Amino acid sequence: MVAVCVGCSLGPRVDVELIGDGSGHITSEPAGLECAQTCSMTIKTRPTTLTAHPAPGSRFAGWVGLGCGESELCALSITDDVRSSR
């Protein structure tokens, strides 16, 4: 089955990528994103909050490109596509 939506706006896209030697995963609220390395999601609800979950023995160093600093929570209220590293 193929769905076609003419003139629809899917919303801005967020790309998340792990950088560094640590490990862990990222989740979103509302649900829609859960990844351990690289993933993407379309933001349909604003604000959307991303949460970093560092694995035991790893440390979350911060978000790059989202303006959230070192907090493990990052509330997004964006209108354009963004790419972030964690």
C-alpha atoms as a PDB file:
ATOM      1  CA  MET A   1       0.000   0.000   0.000  1.00  0.00           C
ATOM      2  CA  VAL A   2       1.252   3.486  -0.834  1.00  0.00           C
ATOM      3  CA  ALA A   3      -0.079   6.652   0.757  1.00  0.00           C
ATOM      4  CA  VAL A   4       0.263   9.997  -0.976  1.00  0.00           C
ATOM      5  CA  CYS A   5      -0.170  13.324   0.749  1.00  0.00           C
ATOM      6  CA  VAL A   6      -0.006  16.360  -1.525  1.00  0.00           C
ATOM      7  CA  GLY A   7       0.863  19.588   0.254  1.00  0.00           C
ATOM      8  CA  CYS A   8       1.390  17.914   3.638  1.00  0.00           C
ATOM      9  CA  SER A   9       4.127  19.053   5.945  1.00  0.00           C
ATOM     10  CA  LEU A  10       5.762  16.158   7.767  1.00  0.00           C
ATOM     11  CA  GLY A  11       7.592  18.476  10.151  1.00  0.00           C
ATOM     12  CA  PRO A  12      11.263  19.103  10.795  1.00  0.00           C
ATOM     13  CA  ARG A  13      13.654  16.162  10.930  1.00  0.00           C
ATOM     14  CA  VAL A  14      16.192  15.468  13.702  1.00  0.00           C
ATOM     15  CA  ASP A  15      19.236  13.276  13.070  1.00  0.00           C
ATOM     16  CA  VAL A  16      21.099  11.957  16.140  1.00  0.00           C
ATOM     17  CA  GLU A  17      24.561  10.415  16.009  1.00  0.00           C
ATOM     18  CA  LEU A  18      26.803   8.956  18.737  1.00  0.00           C
ATOM     19  CA  ILE A  19      30.318  10.373  18.847  1.00  0.00           C
ATOM     20  CA  GLY A  20      33.101   9.472  21.262  1.00  0.00           C
ATOM     21  CA  ASP A  21      34.084   6.279  23.025  1.00  0.00           C
ATOM     22  CA  GLY A  22      31.106   5.865  25.387  1.00  0.00           C
ATOM     23  CA  SER A  23      27.835   4.074  24.831  1.00  0.00           C
ATOM     24  CA  GLY A  24      24.184   4.507  25.712  1.00  0.00           C
ATOM     25  CA  HIS A  25      20.953   5.370  23.923  1.00  0.00           C
ATOM     26  CA  ILE A  26      18.567   8.250  23.202  1.00  0.00           C
ATOM     27  CA  THR A  27      14.786   8.269  23.647  1.00  0.00           C
ATOM     28  CA  SER A  28      12.134  10.863  22.869  1.00  0.00           C
ATOM     29  CA  GLU A  29       8.922  12.086  24.453  1.00  0.00           C
ATOM     30  CA  PRO A  30       6.516  11.767  22.794  1.00  0.00           C
ATOM     31  CA  ALA A  31       7.755   8.344  21.708  1.00  0.00           C
ATOM     32  CA  GLY A  32       9.159   7.868  18.238  1.00  0.00           C
ATOM     33  CA  LEU A  33      12.914   7.841  18.641  1.00  0.00           C
ATOM     34  CA  GLU A  34      15.074   5.264  20.366  1.00  0.00           C
ATOM     35  CA  CYS A  35      18.577   4.666  19.143  1.00  0.00           C
ATOM     36  CA  ALA A  36      22.008   3.567  20.250  1.00  0.00           C
ATOM     37  CA  GLN A  37      24.166   4.818  17.347  1.00  0.00           C
ATOM     38  CA  THR A  38      22.528   6.846  14.576  1.00  0.00           C
ATOM     39  CA  CYS A  39      18.842   7.544  14.055  1.00  0.00           C
ATOM     40  CA  SER A  40      16.359  10.082  12.764  1.00  0.00           C
ATOM     41  CA  MET A  41      12.843  11.199  13.510  1.00  0.00           C
ATOM     42  CA  THR A  42      10.361  13.710  12.195  1.00  0.00           C
ATOM     43  CA  ILE A  43       9.154  16.142  14.852  1.00  0.00           C
ATOM     44  CA  LYS A  44       5.352  16.060  14.743  1.00  0.00           C
ATOM     45  CA  THR A  45       4.682  17.360  18.261  1.00  0.00           C
ATOM     46  CA  ARG A  46       6.275  20.400  19.848  1.00  0.00           C
ATOM     47  CA  PRO A  47       7.960  20.463  22.181  1.00  0.00           C
ATOM     48  CA  THR A  48       9.660  17.109  21.813  1.00  0.00           C
ATOM     49  CA  THR A  49      12.124  16.132  24.520  1.00  0.00           C
ATOM     50  CA  LEU A  50      15.174  13.995  23.781  1.00  0.00           C
ATOM     51  CA  THR A  51      16.764  12.160  26.702  1.00  0.00           C
ATOM     52  CA  ALA A  52      20.290  10.747  26.748  1.00  0.00           C
ATOM     53  CA  HIS A  53      20.763   7.527  28.730  1.00  0.00           C
ATOM     54  CA  PRO A  54      24.503   6.862  29.148  1.00  0.00           C
ATOM     55  CA  ALA A  55      25.442   3.220  29.754  1.00  0.00           C
ATOM     56  CA  PRO A  56      27.067   2.267  33.072  1.00  0.00           C
ATOM     57  CA  GLY A  57      30.660   3.438  32.962  1.00  0.00           C
ATOM     58  CA  SER A  58      29.915   6.043  30.260  1.00  0.00           C
ATOM     59  CA  ARG A  59      29.380   9.774  30.743  1.00  0.00           C
ATOM     60  CA  PHE A  60      27.083  11.974  28.675  1.00  0.00           C
ATOM     61  CA  ALA A  61      29.166  14.939  27.461  1.00  0.00           C
ATOM     62  CA  GLY A  62      26.376  17.026  25.904  1.00  0.00           C
ATOM     63  CA  TRP A  63      24.438  17.801  22.759  1.00  0.00           C
ATOM     64  CA  VAL A  64      26.062  19.356  19.691  1.00  0.00           C
ATOM     65  CA  GLY A  65      23.927  21.556  17.472  1.00  0.00           C
ATOM     66  CA  LEU A  66      20.792  21.765  19.641  1.00  0.00           C
ATOM     67  CA  GLY A  67      21.720  24.397  22.227  1.00  0.00           C
ATOM     68  CA  CYS A  68      21.001  22.078  25.173  1.00  0.00           C
ATOM     69  CA  GLY A  69      24.493  21.931  26.608  1.00  0.00           C
ATOM     70  CA  GLU A  70      25.401  19.055  28.913  1.00  0.00           C
ATOM     71  CA  SER A  71      21.923  18.323  30.261  1.00  0.00           C
ATOM     72  CA  GLU A  72      20.704  14.795  29.535  1.00  0.00           C
ATOM     73  CA  LEU A  73      17.296  16.312  28.640  1.00  0.00           C
ATOM     74  CA  CYS A  74      16.893  18.437  25.526  1.00  0.00           C
ATOM     75  CA  ALA A  75      13.520  20.065  24.797  1.00  0.00           C
ATOM     76  CA  LEU A  76      13.108  20.762  21.070  1.00  0.00           C
ATOM     77  CA  SER A  77      10.781  23.374  19.717  1.00  0.00           C
ATOM     78  CA  ILE A  78      12.205  23.566  16.213  1.00  0.00           C
ATOM     79  CA  THR A  79      10.867  24.371  12.781  1.00  0.00           C
ATOM     80  CA  ASP A  80      13.870  23.406  10.616  1.00  0.00           C
ATOM     81  CA  ASP A  81      15.782  20.139  10.135  1.00  0.00           C
ATOM     82  CA  VAL A  82      18.691  19.689  12.549  1.00  0.00           C
ATOM     83  CA  ARG A  83      21.533  17.253  13.057  1.00  0.00           C
ATOM     84  CA  SER A  84      22.862  16.525  16.530  1.00  0.00           C
ATOM     85  CA  SER A  85      25.679  14.506  17.948  1.00  0.00           C
ATOM     86  CA  ARG A  86      25.768  13.164  21.473  1.00  0.00           C
END
